[in-house]
Amino acid sequence: MGTLDEQDIAAWALERCHAVIEQMGQELAKLHEQVSALLDKKLNSRNSPKPPSSDGPGSGGNRARRRASGRAPGVRRAGAGASRGAGVPEGFGRLYRGGNGHGRST
């Protein structure tokens, strides 16, 4: 077993410091990539906790740019299983209105 002299200890410490600096440099490069990716991402009220008023003008809330639904304005979607005339017996309207169409048969 030999003893370590000051030069051996200094060389070991220097080597260890270089290894730590290299590792920290790699971690810093990864963090720079993550920050760049986040800065490139457009943040607005839909993907951040910011209120909609902070989006500014022309931020995609324009109704004219939205895709049309294909329905007439004001028409509601029927619920599940709903259809017109479901459960109404055939000829009900004729019987209910009677002969003159006003609900009275005169």
Protein backbone atom coordinates (compact mmCIF):
# COMPACT_ATOMS: atom_id res chain seq x y z
CA MET A 1 0.00 0.00 0.00
CA GLY A 2 1.42 3.25 -1.07
CA THR A 3 0.66 6.65 0.26
CA LEU A 4 -0.85 9.35 -1.86
CA ASP A 5 1.11 12.49 -2.31
CA GLU A 6 -0.31 15.95 -2.95
CA GLN A 7 0.01 15.67 -6.72
CA ASP A 8 -2.02 12.45 -6.81
CA ILE A 9 -4.76 13.99 -4.67
CA ALA A 10 -4.82 17.14 -6.78
CA ALA A 11 -5.01 15.10 -10.01
CA TRP A 12 -7.88 13.00 -8.63
CA ALA A 13 -9.78 16.12 -7.45
CA LEU A 14 -9.28 17.84 -10.80
CA GLU A 15 -10.51 14.74 -12.68
CA ARG A 16 -13.57 14.54 -10.43
CA CYS A 17 -14.33 18.25 -10.92
CA HIS A 18 -14.17 17.86 -14.71
CA ALA A 19 -16.60 14.91 -14.53
CA VAL A 20 -19.07 16.94 -12.46
CA ILE A 21 -18.78 19.93 -14.82
CA GLU A 22 -19.42 17.66 -17.83
CA GLN A 23 -22.53 16.17 -16.18
CA MET A 24 -23.87 19.62 -15.28
CA GLY A 25 -23.26 20.82 -18.84
CA GLN A 26 -25.38 17.93 -20.21
CA GLU A 27 -28.19 18.69 -17.74
CA LEU A 28 -28.06 22.37 -18.69
CA ALA A 29 -28.36 21.50 -22.39
CA LYS A 30 -31.49 19.40 -21.66
CA LEU A 31 -33.02 22.26 -19.69
CA HIS A 32 -32.33 24.71 -22.54
CA GLU A 33 -34.18 22.38 -24.93
CA GLN A 34 -37.17 22.17 -22.58
CA VAL A 35 -37.32 25.95 -22.14
CA SER A 36 -37.12 26.47 -25.91
CA ALA A 37 -39.96 24.01 -26.46
CA LEU A 38 -42.12 25.79 -23.89
CA LEU A 39 -41.38 29.21 -25.34
CA ASP A 40 -42.29 28.00 -28.83
CA LYS A 41 -45.64 26.78 -27.57
CA LYS A 42 -48.34 29.42 -27.92
CA LEU A 43 -49.96 29.93 -24.52
CA ASN A 44 -53.52 31.18 -24.29
CA SER A 45 -56.48 30.76 -21.97
CA ARG A 46 -57.20 27.26 -23.31
CA ASN A 47 -53.83 25.73 -22.40
CA SER A 48 -52.83 27.82 -19.37
CA PRO A 49 -54.46 29.23 -16.23
CA LYS A 50 -54.75 32.67 -17.85
CA PRO A 51 -58.25 34.22 -18.16
CA PRO A 52 -59.81 34.54 -21.65
CA SER A 53 -59.55 38.33 -21.46
CA SER A 54 -55.74 38.03 -21.56
CA ASP A 55 -55.79 36.38 -25.01
CA GLY A 56 -56.08 39.72 -26.78
CA PRO A 57 -57.88 40.59 -30.01
CA GLY A 58 -57.96 38.08 -32.84
CA SER A 59 -57.25 35.13 -30.59
CA GLY A 60 -59.39 32.51 -32.30
CA GLY A 61 -62.68 33.21 -30.58
CA ASN A 62 -64.16 34.59 -33.78
CA ARG A 63 -67.49 32.95 -34.62
CA ALA A 64 -66.98 33.49 -38.36
CA ARG A 65 -63.93 31.18 -38.33
CA ARG A 66 -65.73 28.33 -36.58
CA ARG A 67 -66.90 25.37 -38.59
CA ALA A 68 -70.63 25.34 -39.31
CA SER A 69 -72.60 22.59 -37.60
CA GLY A 70 -74.86 21.92 -40.58
CA ARG A 71 -78.03 22.69 -38.64
CA ALA A 72 -80.29 25.68 -39.06
CA PRO A 73 -79.80 28.42 -36.43
CA GLY A 74 -81.80 27.75 -33.28
CA VAL A 75 -82.43 24.07 -34.02
CA ARG A 76 -81.61 21.81 -31.10
CA ARG A 77 -80.17 18.36 -31.29
CA ALA A 78 -82.56 15.59 -30.29
CA GLY A 79 -81.61 13.56 -27.23
CA ALA A 80 -80.55 9.92 -27.37
CA GLY A 81 -83.32 7.79 -28.85
CA ALA A 82 -85.57 10.76 -29.55
CA SER A 83 -87.30 11.11 -32.88
CA ARG A 84 -90.30 12.99 -34.11
CA GLY A 85 -93.55 11.24 -33.52
CA ALA A 86 -92.07 8.55 -31.29
CA GLY A 87 -94.81 6.94 -29.23
CA VAL A 88 -97.65 8.75 -31.04
CA PRO A 89 -100.17 6.38 -32.62
CA GLU A 90 -100.82 6.74 -36.32
CA GLY A 91 -103.83 8.93 -37.05
CA PHE A 92 -103.73 10.60 -33.62
CA GLY A 93 -103.70 14.11 -35.08
CA ARG A 94 -106.76 13.42 -37.22
CA LEU A 95 -108.68 12.00 -34.26
CA TYR A 96 -107.62 14.75 -31.89
CA ARG A 97 -108.44 17.62 -34.22
CA GLY A 98 -111.72 16.14 -35.23
CA GLY A 99 -113.19 17.17 -38.53
CA ASN A 100 -112.38 20.91 -38.62
CA GLY A 101 -108.79 20.86 -37.28
CA HIS A 102 -109.55 23.04 -34.24
CA GLY A 103 -110.08 20.29 -31.68
CA ARG A 104 -113.84 20.47 -31.98
CA SER A 105 -115.91 18.30 -34.17
CA THR A 106 -118.77 20.41 -35.49
